[in-house]
Amino acid sequence: MLMLVRSIGSCPKTAAATRVLPLSIPHHHNHYRVLPPFSSIPLFNSTPSLIFPSPTPSSSSSSNSIQVKKHHHHHLLSQSSKLNTPMVSLLVATTSDPASINPANALLAMPGWQPGPHFQDDMKSFCNEGVRVLLHGKSIVVEDDLDKRWEEKTGEVVDEVIFFSKHTAVSNKPALTVHPIGVPHLREGDVPPQGGKPGWAALPSPRMGPWLRHLKKLAQARNLVPEFEITLEATHHGPFTDKPTMFLEIGSTEDYWNRQDAAQVMAQLVWEGLGLGGGTDVGNWSRSCRENDKKKVLLGIGGGHYAPRHMDVVLKGDVWVGHLLSGYSIPMEDPNQEKGEATAEIGGTWRHSILAAYEATRDAFPGGEILAHLDQKSFKSWQKNAITAFLTEQNIQIGKPANFH
């Protein structure tokens, strides 16, 4: 099991911890989170970044038709740990979004923060133990490779990336959300509507399940529930990263994006979740593997954007969460099936999307038991049969709710 070394000495040394004052927020907001209809949204994969070619009508459903581009993320982690290279958590926020900068300011107002290393002239950084906060002024989904760029500039190895952001929804309901990122269902040459790279599914942060449950407790303690819904979201959008990643979002309108109590809860989630201030961090996969045998990881397939049936499983116990593929991320094209006619091939990028999400989840949870959890009621019979057959062909286990507890 890898032992990750947290850096506590890379910040400029000062006589006392610097207390950082809140930054000003511009009055313009980027509405990047308007969800498209059934078929176009992003996902990510890290260690093996899976980049898939456009399927052809004659493509086989076999895995041989899917090209897998491997990076060597865990190999690099192993090498860096052997050399005692500092490993840090990178938390990213943008000044252009109140739901992003407000939680960041609330976090930076807590004890122990110091100015961080110079990264770029248009960005500021702050550090506290093994955590680095990076602030920029662009849309949160357009700054690709911040993890890699940080490593090249500072010499520190990024262990995980966490983004603060706003959430938008047609319902306008208040919500605090957690989700993985990527666009695995997009074909090569497609332009992702909210960042990322086609065919990519990021390594999902192993912290998502434990943090969702902790977020609910914090929100309840601050009386934000039931006004705010505490929920997972399906995998979507960028930016491109090469490390375990998750988004923490406040929704769903400007009034809620500016809510200081919501910002405080999100800041407290990160403070406690990363073990700042002397606490034990929450959702540490490596430590959990050493201490107990609860290694079942949910890979959600099907359902709506807020994954209610997957959520039911996750909230009932110590379930780990990988990618969550909503219906729009597993497009299946087979009009003949609607008429009851048998066809040799079901078109669409659904196979690529499922395999990308599985590979990324598997690599984010080394030693874990990845179980695909299907939202059965969201599929037509021919869709469910095709997906089940593909999962079996790929040796991906299928789990029912009872199998996770």
Foldseek 3Di string as FASTA:
>chain_A
DFDAAAAAPQFDDDPFADQDAADAADPAADPLAPDDPQAAFWAAFFQFWFAFAADDPPADLACVNGDTRGHHVVVVRRVCSVVSFHEAAEEEFESHFLQFRLLVNLLSNDPAKDWGDDQDPQWTWIDGTRYIYIYHHDPPQADAAPQVSCCVVRVHHYAEYEGGHAHADPVQAKAKEKAFEGQLQAHQPDDRSAEDHYNHHYQAAQQRLQLLLVLVVLCVVLVVPPSYHRFYFAYGGHHHYNHHYMYIYTDDDPVGSNDNSVSNSVSVSCCQQVCGPNGDHGRDLVVDVVPDDLFEEEAADEDDGRPVVVVVLSNPDPYTYFGHHYSNSQDWADVVVVVVDDDPDIDGSNSSSSVNRVVSHCVNRPPGQYAYEYPVVRDDPVVVVVVVVSCVSVVRHHDYSVVND
